[in-house]
Amino acid sequence: MVKAVAVLRGDSKITGTVTFEQTSESGPTTITWDITGHDANAERGMHVHQFGDNTNGCTSAGPHYNPFGKTHGAPSDSDRHVGDLGNFKTDGQGNAKGSVSDSLVKLFGEHSVLGRTIVVHAGTDDLGKGGNEESKKTGNAGPRPACGVIGIAA
C-alpha cells in the first residue's frame, strides 16, 4: 500500500488536500479530494501535471502528465493523458469533497505520479471535446489558481 497527499495552495483563496492510495502495483488508485474556497455551484478541472516544480506558482508544473503521448480526454476515455482527472463539482459555498478510482494513475513504478503536481483549474474541463487544438491538450480548463506537489504520506 502506498499513500500520498498534496496540499493545495496558490494565488487564490482555494485550499485543500488531494490524497492518493494504491494497494498494489496492478490495482487502481483511489483519489480523494477536500477542497474549499472555489467558485460556488461549479464544475472545475483537476489534473496531474508533469513536474513537481511550483517555483513560479502553479505555472511551472508544466503540461498534463502524459507519458504515453495521448491526447487530452475524460477519465473514462481510453485515449487520455494519465493526468486527466476530469471535473469536480462544488457546492453553494464553493467547497468540494469526493473520490474516484483510476486505473491509469499509479503510485508504483516508472509512471508514478509521486513528485508531480496536482492542479485545480479555474474553469471546466471540456474533456477534449471542445473542437479545437487547446481542447486536445488542456481541455480548455483555464488558469491554475491552486496546486500541490504529490508526496508520500505518513
N, C-alpha and C. Protein backbone atom coordinates (compact mmCIF):
# COMPACT_ATOMS: atom_id res chain seq x y z
N MET A 1 0.86 -1.19 0.00
CA MET A 1 0.00 0.00 0.00
C MET A 1 0.89 1.24 0.00
N VAL A 2 0.59 2.14 -0.94
CA VAL A 2 1.27 3.43 -0.97
C VAL A 2 0.21 4.51 -0.81
N LYS A 3 0.50 5.47 0.07
CA LYS A 3 -0.39 6.62 0.27
C LYS A 3 0.39 7.89 -0.02
N ALA A 4 -0.29 8.83 -0.67
CA ALA A 4 0.34 10.11 -0.99
C ALA A 4 -0.66 11.23 -0.76
N VAL A 5 -0.14 12.44 -0.58
CA VAL A 5 -1.00 13.59 -0.34
C VAL A 5 -0.41 14.82 -1.01
N ALA A 6 -1.29 15.70 -1.47
CA ALA A 6 -0.90 17.01 -1.98
C ALA A 6 -1.71 18.05 -1.22
N VAL A 7 -1.03 19.07 -0.73
CA VAL A 7 -1.70 20.18 -0.04
C VAL A 7 -1.83 21.31 -1.05
N LEU A 8 -3.07 21.71 -1.33
CA LEU A 8 -3.33 22.73 -2.35
C LEU A 8 -3.14 24.14 -1.81
N ARG A 9 -2.36 24.91 -2.56
CA ARG A 9 -2.15 26.33 -2.26
C ARG A 9 -1.98 27.05 -3.59
N GLY A 10 -2.06 28.37 -3.55
CA GLY A 10 -1.84 29.13 -4.77
C GLY A 10 -2.09 30.59 -4.56
N ASP A 11 -2.34 31.29 -5.67
CA ASP A 11 -2.57 32.74 -5.60
C ASP A 11 -4.06 33.05 -5.56
N SER A 12 -4.80 32.23 -4.83
CA SER A 12 -6.25 32.39 -4.69
C SER A 12 -6.64 31.96 -3.29
N LYS A 13 -7.93 31.98 -3.01
CA LYS A 13 -8.41 31.54 -1.69
C LYS A 13 -8.69 30.04 -1.65
N ILE A 14 -8.39 29.34 -2.74
CA ILE A 14 -8.61 27.90 -2.80
C ILE A 14 -7.54 27.18 -1.98
N THR A 15 -8.00 26.28 -1.10
CA THR A 15 -7.10 25.43 -0.31
C THR A 15 -7.70 24.04 -0.25
N GLY A 16 -6.92 23.10 0.25
CA GLY A 16 -7.44 21.76 0.42
C GLY A 16 -6.37 20.71 0.31
N THR A 17 -6.83 19.46 0.27
CA THR A 17 -5.93 18.32 0.11
C THR A 17 -6.50 17.37 -0.94
N VAL A 18 -5.58 16.69 -1.60
CA VAL A 18 -5.93 15.60 -2.50
C VAL A 18 -5.07 14.42 -2.07
N THR A 19 -5.70 13.29 -1.75
CA THR A 19 -4.95 12.11 -1.32
C THR A 19 -5.06 11.02 -2.38
N PHE A 20 -4.03 10.18 -2.41
CA PHE A 20 -3.93 9.08 -3.36
C PHE A 20 -3.60 7.82 -2.58
N GLU A 21 -4.27 6.71 -2.89
CA GLU A 21 -3.98 5.42 -2.25
C GLU A 21 -4.02 4.33 -3.30
N GLN A 22 -2.95 3.52 -3.33
CA GLN A 22 -2.91 2.37 -4.24
C GLN A 22 -2.43 1.17 -3.44
N THR A 23 -3.24 0.10 -3.43
CA THR A 23 -2.91 -1.06 -2.60
C THR A 23 -1.90 -1.98 -3.24
N SER A 24 -1.86 -2.06 -4.57
CA SER A 24 -0.89 -2.92 -5.25
C SER A 24 -0.51 -2.29 -6.59
N GLU A 25 0.62 -2.72 -7.13
CA GLU A 25 1.13 -2.15 -8.37
C GLU A 25 0.15 -2.28 -9.53
N SER A 26 -0.62 -3.36 -9.55
CA SER A 26 -1.56 -3.58 -10.66
C SER A 26 -2.96 -3.03 -10.37
N GLY A 27 -3.20 -2.59 -9.15
CA GLY A 27 -4.53 -2.12 -8.77
C GLY A 27 -4.76 -0.66 -9.10
N PRO A 28 -6.02 -0.23 -9.03
CA PRO A 28 -6.35 1.17 -9.28
C PRO A 28 -5.92 2.05 -8.11
N THR A 29 -5.85 3.33 -8.36
CA THR A 29 -5.54 4.32 -7.32
C THR A 29 -6.82 5.06 -6.95
N THR A 30 -7.08 5.16 -5.66
CA THR A 30 -8.21 5.95 -5.18
C THR A 30 -7.72 7.37 -4.91
N ILE A 31 -8.40 8.33 -5.53
CA ILE A 31 -8.05 9.75 -5.40
C ILE A 31 -9.20 10.42 -4.66
N THR A 32 -8.90 11.07 -3.54
CA THR A 32 -9.91 11.71 -2.70
C THR A 32 -9.55 13.18 -2.52
N TRP A 33 -10.55 14.06 -2.66
CA TRP A 33 -10.28 15.49 -2.51
C TRP A 33 -11.21 16.14 -1.51
N ASP A 34 -10.67 17.17 -0.87
CA ASP A 34 -11.41 18.02 0.06
C ASP A 34 -10.92 19.44 -0.22
N ILE A 35 -11.70 20.19 -0.97
CA ILE A 35 -11.29 21.50 -1.49
C ILE A 35 -12.27 22.57 -1.00
N THR A 36 -11.74 23.71 -0.58
CA THR A 36 -12.58 24.83 -0.16
C THR A 36 -12.15 26.10 -0.89
N GLY A 37 -13.08 27.05 -0.96
CA GLY A 37 -12.76 28.37 -1.49
C GLY A 37 -12.83 28.55 -2.99
N HIS A 38 -13.41 27.58 -3.70
CA HIS A 38 -13.54 27.72 -5.16
C HIS A 38 -14.87 28.39 -5.49
N ASP A 39 -15.17 28.53 -6.78
CA ASP A 39 -16.43 29.11 -7.22
C ASP A 39 -17.60 28.24 -6.76
N ALA A 40 -18.70 28.87 -6.39
CA ALA A 40 -19.88 28.14 -5.93
C ALA A 40 -20.61 27.49 -7.11
N ASN A 41 -21.17 26.32 -6.86
CA ASN A 41 -22.02 25.61 -7.83
C ASN A 41 -21.37 25.52 -9.20
N ALA A 42 -20.15 25.00 -9.23
CA ALA A 42 -19.39 24.95 -10.48
C ALA A 42 -18.76 23.58 -10.69
N GLU A 43 -18.38 23.30 -11.93
CA GLU A 43 -17.57 22.14 -12.27
C GLU A 43 -16.20 22.68 -12.65
N ARG A 44 -15.16 22.16 -12.01
CA ARG A 44 -13.82 22.66 -12.25
C ARG A 44 -12.86 21.52 -12.54
N GLY A 45 -11.95 21.75 -13.47
CA GLY A 45 -10.98 20.74 -13.89
C GLY A 45 -9.90 20.50 -12.85
N MET A 46 -9.41 19.26 -12.83
CA MET A 46 -8.31 18.87 -11.95
C MET A 46 -7.43 17.89 -12.70
N HIS A 47 -6.13 18.15 -12.72
CA HIS A 47 -5.20 17.30 -13.46
C HIS A 47 -3.89 17.12 -12.71
N VAL A 48 -3.23 15.99 -12.97
CA VAL A 48 -1.85 15.80 -12.54
C VAL A 48 -0.98 16.37 -13.65
N HIS A 49 -0.06 17.27 -13.28
CA HIS A 49 0.84 17.89 -14.25
C HIS A 49 2.23 17.27 -14.16
N GLN A 50 3.02 17.47 -15.20
CA GLN A 50 4.30 16.81 -15.41
C GLN A 50 5.31 16.98 -14.28
N PHE A 51 5.47 18.20 -13.79
CA PHE A 51 6.57 18.48 -12.86
C PHE A 51 6.09 18.79 -11.44
N GLY A 52 6.92 18.47 -10.48
CA GLY A 52 6.67 18.84 -9.09
C GLY A 52 7.34 20.16 -8.76
N ASP A 53 7.35 21.06 -9.72
CA ASP A 53 8.03 22.35 -9.61
C ASP A 53 6.98 23.44 -9.48
N ASN A 54 6.93 24.09 -8.33
CA ASN A 54 6.00 25.19 -8.11
C ASN A 54 6.75 26.49 -7.83
N THR A 55 7.99 26.61 -8.35
CA THR A 55 8.80 27.80 -8.09
C THR A 55 8.21 29.06 -8.70
N ASN A 56 7.44 28.92 -9.77
CA ASN A 56 6.76 30.05 -10.39
C ASN A 56 5.25 29.84 -10.24
N GLY A 57 4.84 29.50 -9.03
CA GLY A 57 3.44 29.17 -8.79
C GLY A 57 3.08 27.89 -9.53
N CYS A 58 1.82 27.75 -9.84
CA CYS A 58 1.34 26.53 -10.49
C CYS A 58 1.74 26.45 -11.96
N THR A 59 2.17 27.56 -12.55
CA THR A 59 2.56 27.60 -13.96
C THR A 59 3.76 26.70 -14.23
N SER A 60 4.71 26.64 -13.30
CA SER A 60 5.93 25.86 -13.53
C SER A 60 5.72 24.36 -13.40
N ALA A 61 4.49 23.92 -13.13
CA ALA A 61 4.18 22.49 -13.07
C ALA A 61 4.16 21.85 -14.45
N GLY A 62 4.20 22.68 -15.51
CA GLY A 62 4.25 22.14 -16.87
C GLY A 62 2.91 21.64 -17.37
N PRO A 63 2.93 20.85 -18.45
CA PRO A 63 1.70 20.33 -19.05
C PRO A 63 1.13 19.16 -18.25
N HIS A 64 -0.01 18.65 -18.68
CA HIS A 64 -0.59 17.46 -18.05
C HIS A 64 0.40 16.30 -18.14
N TYR A 65 0.41 15.46 -17.11
CA TYR A 65 1.29 14.29 -17.12
C TYR A 65 0.80 13.33 -18.19
N ASN A 66 1.67 13.05 -19.18
CA ASN A 66 1.26 12.32 -20.38
C ASN A 66 2.40 11.43 -20.88
N PRO A 67 2.80 10.41 -20.11
CA PRO A 67 3.94 9.59 -20.50
C PRO A 67 3.72 8.74 -21.75
N PHE A 68 2.48 8.57 -22.17
CA PHE A 68 2.20 7.71 -23.32
C PHE A 68 1.86 8.49 -24.59
N GLY A 69 2.00 9.82 -24.58
CA GLY A 69 1.80 10.63 -25.77
C GLY A 69 0.38 10.64 -26.32
N LYS A 70 -0.60 10.60 -25.45
CA LYS A 70 -2.02 10.60 -25.87
C LYS A 70 -2.56 12.03 -25.97
N THR A 71 -3.78 12.16 -26.50
CA THR A 71 -4.46 13.45 -26.49
C THR A 71 -5.30 13.55 -25.22
N HIS A 72 -5.68 14.78 -24.87
CA HIS A 72 -6.48 15.02 -23.66
C HIS A 72 -7.85 14.36 -23.79
N GLY A 73 -8.38 13.85 -22.68
CA GLY A 73 -9.70 13.23 -22.70
C GLY A 73 -10.32 13.16 -21.32
N ALA A 74 -11.44 12.49 -21.26
CA ALA A 74 -12.15 12.27 -20.00
C ALA A 74 -11.50 11.11 -19.25
N PRO A 75 -11.67 11.03 -17.93
CA PRO A 75 -11.11 9.91 -17.18
C PRO A 75 -11.58 8.55 -17.68
N SER A 76 -12.75 8.48 -18.28
CA SER A 76 -13.29 7.21 -18.78
C SER A 76 -12.84 6.88 -20.20
N ASP A 77 -12.14 7.81 -20.88
CA ASP A 77 -11.69 7.58 -22.25
C ASP A 77 -10.44 6.70 -22.26
N SER A 78 -10.33 5.85 -23.29
CA SER A 78 -9.11 5.05 -23.43
C SER A 78 -7.95 5.90 -23.95
N ASP A 79 -8.26 6.94 -24.72
CA ASP A 79 -7.25 7.86 -25.25
C ASP A 79 -7.27 9.12 -24.40
N ARG A 80 -6.34 9.20 -23.43
CA ARG A 80 -6.29 10.32 -22.48
C ARG A 80 -4.91 10.41 -21.85
N HIS A 81 -4.61 11.56 -21.30
CA HIS A 81 -3.38 11.70 -20.51
C HIS A 81 -3.57 10.95 -19.19
N VAL A 82 -2.49 10.43 -18.63
CA VAL A 82 -2.56 9.83 -17.30
C VAL A 82 -3.10 10.85 -16.30
N GLY A 83 -2.71 12.11 -16.46
CA GLY A 83 -3.11 13.16 -15.53
C GLY A 83 -4.51 13.69 -15.67
N ASP A 84 -5.28 13.21 -16.64
CA ASP A 84 -6.63 13.73 -16.88
C ASP A 84 -7.62 13.16 -15.86
N LEU A 85 -7.97 13.98 -14.87
CA LEU A 85 -8.88 13.55 -13.81
C LEU A 85 -10.28 14.13 -13.96
N GLY A 86 -10.53 14.89 -15.03
CA GLY A 86 -11.88 15.40 -15.28
C GLY A 86 -12.22 16.59 -14.40
N ASN A 87 -13.48 16.66 -14.00
CA ASN A 87 -14.01 17.77 -13.22
C ASN A 87 -14.52 17.31 -11.86
N PHE A 88 -14.51 18.22 -10.90
CA PHE A 88 -15.18 18.00 -9.63
C PHE A 88 -16.25 19.09 -9.50
N LYS A 89 -17.28 18.81 -8.71
CA LYS A 89 -18.39 19.76 -8.53
C LYS A 89 -18.32 20.40 -7.16
N THR A 90 -18.54 21.72 -7.14
CA THR A 90 -18.56 22.45 -5.87
C THR A 90 -19.99 22.68 -5.41
N ASP A 91 -20.15 22.88 -4.12
CA ASP A 91 -21.47 23.18 -3.55
C ASP A 91 -21.71 24.70 -3.56
N GLY A 92 -22.76 25.14 -2.91
CA GLY A 92 -23.13 26.55 -2.88
C GLY A 92 -22.14 27.45 -2.18
N GLN A 93 -21.22 26.87 -1.41
CA GLN A 93 -20.18 27.65 -0.74
C GLN A 93 -18.82 27.53 -1.43
N GLY A 94 -18.77 26.81 -2.55
CA GLY A 94 -17.51 26.65 -3.27
C GLY A 94 -16.62 25.54 -2.75
N ASN A 95 -17.21 24.61 -2.00
CA ASN A 95 -16.46 23.50 -1.43
C ASN A 95 -16.76 22.22 -2.19
N ALA A 96 -15.78 21.32 -2.20
CA ALA A 96 -15.97 20.04 -2.90
C ALA A 96 -15.29 18.92 -2.13
N LYS A 97 -16.01 17.83 -1.98
CA LYS A 97 -15.46 16.60 -1.41
C LYS A 97 -15.87 15.47 -2.32
N GLY A 98 -14.96 14.55 -2.57
CA GLY A 98 -15.31 13.41 -3.39
C GLY A 98 -14.14 12.48 -3.57
N SER A 99 -14.39 11.41 -4.30
CA SER A 99 -13.31 10.46 -4.60
C SER A 99 -13.63 9.73 -5.89
N VAL A 100 -12.59 9.19 -6.48
CA VAL A 100 -12.71 8.44 -7.72
C VAL A 100 -11.61 7.38 -7.72
N SER A 101 -11.87 6.28 -8.41
CA SER A 101 -10.88 5.24 -8.59
C SER A 101 -10.38 5.32 -10.03
N ASP A 102 -9.06 5.30 -10.22
CA ASP A 102 -8.49 5.48 -11.55
C ASP A 102 -7.40 4.43 -11.79
N SER A 103 -7.50 3.68 -12.88
CA SER A 103 -6.54 2.61 -13.15
C SER A 103 -5.29 3.08 -13.89
N LEU A 104 -5.28 4.30 -14.43
CA LEU A 104 -4.07 4.82 -15.10
C LEU A 104 -3.14 5.54 -14.15
N VAL A 105 -3.68 6.17 -13.12
CA VAL A 105 -2.86 6.90 -12.15
C VAL A 105 -2.18 5.87 -11.24
N LYS A 106 -0.84 5.93 -11.17
CA LYS A 106 -0.07 4.96 -10.40
C LYS A 106 0.81 5.64 -9.35
N LEU A 107 0.98 4.97 -8.22
CA LEU A 107 1.92 5.41 -7.20
C LEU A 107 3.16 4.52 -7.18
N PHE A 108 3.13 3.43 -7.94
CA PHE A 108 4.25 2.49 -8.07
C PHE A 108 4.84 2.63 -9.47
N GLY A 109 6.12 2.29 -9.62
CA GLY A 109 6.73 2.12 -10.93
C GLY A 109 7.17 3.39 -11.64
N GLU A 110 7.64 3.21 -12.88
CA GLU A 110 8.25 4.30 -13.63
C GLU A 110 7.26 5.40 -14.03
N HIS A 111 5.97 5.11 -14.05
CA HIS A 111 4.97 6.12 -14.43
C HIS A 111 4.21 6.66 -13.22
N SER A 112 4.84 6.57 -12.05
CA SER A 112 4.22 7.06 -10.82
C SER A 112 3.99 8.56 -10.87
N VAL A 113 2.93 9.00 -10.21
CA VAL A 113 2.64 10.44 -10.11
C VAL A 113 3.32 11.07 -8.89
N LEU A 114 4.01 10.28 -8.08
CA LEU A 114 4.72 10.83 -6.92
C LEU A 114 5.73 11.88 -7.38
N GLY A 115 5.75 13.01 -6.70
CA GLY A 115 6.67 14.08 -7.04
C GLY A 115 6.17 15.01 -8.14
N ARG A 116 5.01 14.71 -8.68
CA ARG A 116 4.40 15.58 -9.70
C ARG A 116 3.41 16.51 -9.00
N THR A 117 2.78 17.40 -9.76
CA THR A 117 1.87 18.39 -9.17
C THR A 117 0.43 18.11 -9.57
N ILE A 118 -0.49 18.20 -8.61
CA ILE A 118 -1.92 18.20 -8.92
C ILE A 118 -2.36 19.66 -8.99
N VAL A 119 -3.08 20.00 -10.06
CA VAL A 119 -3.53 21.37 -10.28
C VAL A 119 -5.05 21.41 -10.29
N VAL A 120 -5.61 22.36 -9.55
CA VAL A 120 -7.04 22.66 -9.59
C VAL A 120 -7.18 23.88 -10.50
N HIS A 121 -8.02 23.75 -11.52
CA HIS A 121 -8.16 24.81 -12.52
C HIS A 121 -9.33 25.75 -12.22
N ALA A 122 -9.30 26.91 -12.87
CA ALA A 122 -10.33 27.94 -12.68
C ALA A 122 -11.55 27.69 -13.55
N GLY A 123 -11.43 26.84 -14.56
CA GLY A 123 -12.54 26.59 -15.47
C GLY A 123 -12.93 25.13 -15.53
N THR A 124 -13.96 24.85 -16.32
CA THR A 124 -14.46 23.50 -16.53
C THR A 124 -13.65 22.82 -17.63
N ASP A 125 -13.25 21.59 -17.40
CA ASP A 125 -12.54 20.79 -18.39
C ASP A 125 -13.56 20.30 -19.42
N ASP A 126 -13.32 20.60 -20.70
CA ASP A 126 -14.25 20.14 -21.75
C ASP A 126 -13.97 18.69 -22.17
N LEU A 127 -13.03 18.04 -21.50
CA LEU A 127 -12.72 16.62 -21.66
C LEU A 127 -12.23 16.28 -23.07
N GLY A 128 -11.60 17.25 -23.74
CA GLY A 128 -11.06 17.03 -25.08
C GLY A 128 -12.08 17.11 -26.19
N LYS A 129 -13.28 17.57 -25.85
CA LYS A 129 -14.36 17.60 -26.84
C LYS A 129 -14.76 19.02 -27.23
N GLY A 130 -13.83 19.97 -27.06
CA GLY A 130 -14.10 21.38 -27.35
C GLY A 130 -13.97 21.78 -28.80
N GLY A 131 -13.47 20.87 -29.64
CA GLY A 131 -13.40 21.14 -31.07
C GLY A 131 -12.25 22.03 -31.49
N ASN A 132 -11.22 22.21 -30.64
CA ASN A 132 -10.05 22.99 -31.04
C ASN A 132 -8.79 22.33 -30.50
N GLU A 133 -7.63 22.81 -30.96
CA GLU A 133 -6.35 22.21 -30.56
C GLU A 133 -6.10 22.27 -29.05
N GLU A 134 -6.44 23.39 -28.44
CA GLU A 134 -6.21 23.54 -27.00
C GLU A 134 -7.03 22.51 -26.21
N SER A 135 -8.20 22.19 -26.69
CA SER A 135 -9.05 21.18 -26.05
C SER A 135 -8.34 19.83 -25.99
N LYS A 136 -7.61 19.49 -27.04
CA LYS A 136 -6.90 18.21 -27.10
C LYS A 136 -5.63 18.19 -26.25
N LYS A 137 -5.22 19.37 -25.75
CA LYS A 137 -4.04 19.46 -24.88
C LYS A 137 -4.41 19.69 -23.42
N THR A 138 -5.37 20.60 -23.18
CA THR A 138 -5.66 21.03 -21.81
C THR A 138 -7.12 20.90 -21.40
N GLY A 139 -8.01 20.64 -22.36
CA GLY A 139 -9.43 20.63 -22.05
C GLY A 139 -9.99 22.02 -21.81
N ASN A 140 -9.21 23.05 -22.20
CA ASN A 140 -9.64 24.44 -22.02
C ASN A 140 -10.05 24.73 -20.57
N ALA A 141 -9.34 24.12 -19.62
CA ALA A 141 -9.71 24.25 -18.20
C ALA A 141 -9.27 25.56 -17.57
N GLY A 142 -8.50 26.36 -18.29
CA GLY A 142 -8.18 27.69 -17.81
C GLY A 142 -7.02 27.80 -16.84
N PRO A 143 -6.95 28.97 -16.16
CA PRO A 143 -5.84 29.25 -15.24
C PRO A 143 -5.73 28.24 -14.10
N ARG A 144 -4.61 28.36 -13.36
CA ARG A 144 -4.25 27.41 -12.30
C ARG A 144 -4.21 28.12 -10.94
N PRO A 145 -5.34 28.33 -10.31
CA PRO A 145 -5.35 29.08 -9.05
C PRO A 145 -4.79 28.34 -7.84
N ALA A 146 -4.70 27.01 -7.89
CA ALA A 146 -4.17 26.26 -6.74
C ALA A 146 -3.55 24.96 -7.21
N CYS A 147 -2.52 24.53 -6.48
CA CYS A 147 -1.84 23.29 -6.83
C CYS A 147 -1.05 22.78 -5.62
N GLY A 148 -0.56 21.55 -5.73
CA GLY A 148 0.28 20.98 -4.68
C GLY A 148 1.08 19.82 -5.22
N VAL A 149 2.29 19.65 -4.70
CA VAL A 149 3.14 18.54 -5.10
C VAL A 149 2.66 17.27 -4.39
N ILE A 150 2.60 16.18 -5.12
CA ILE A 150 2.15 14.89 -4.59
C ILE A 150 3.33 14.21 -3.90
N GLY A 151 3.23 14.05 -2.58
CA GLY A 151 4.31 13.45 -1.81
C GLY A 151 3.84 12.25 -1.01
N ILE A 152 4.76 11.41 -0.61
CA ILE A 152 4.43 10.22 0.18
C ILE A 152 3.87 10.66 1.53
N ALA A 153 2.74 10.07 1.90
CA ALA A 153 2.05 10.43 3.15
C ALA A 153 2.55 9.57 4.30
N ALA A 154 2.42 10.11 5.49
CA ALA A 154 2.81 9.39 6.71
C ALA A 154 1.81 8.29 7.01
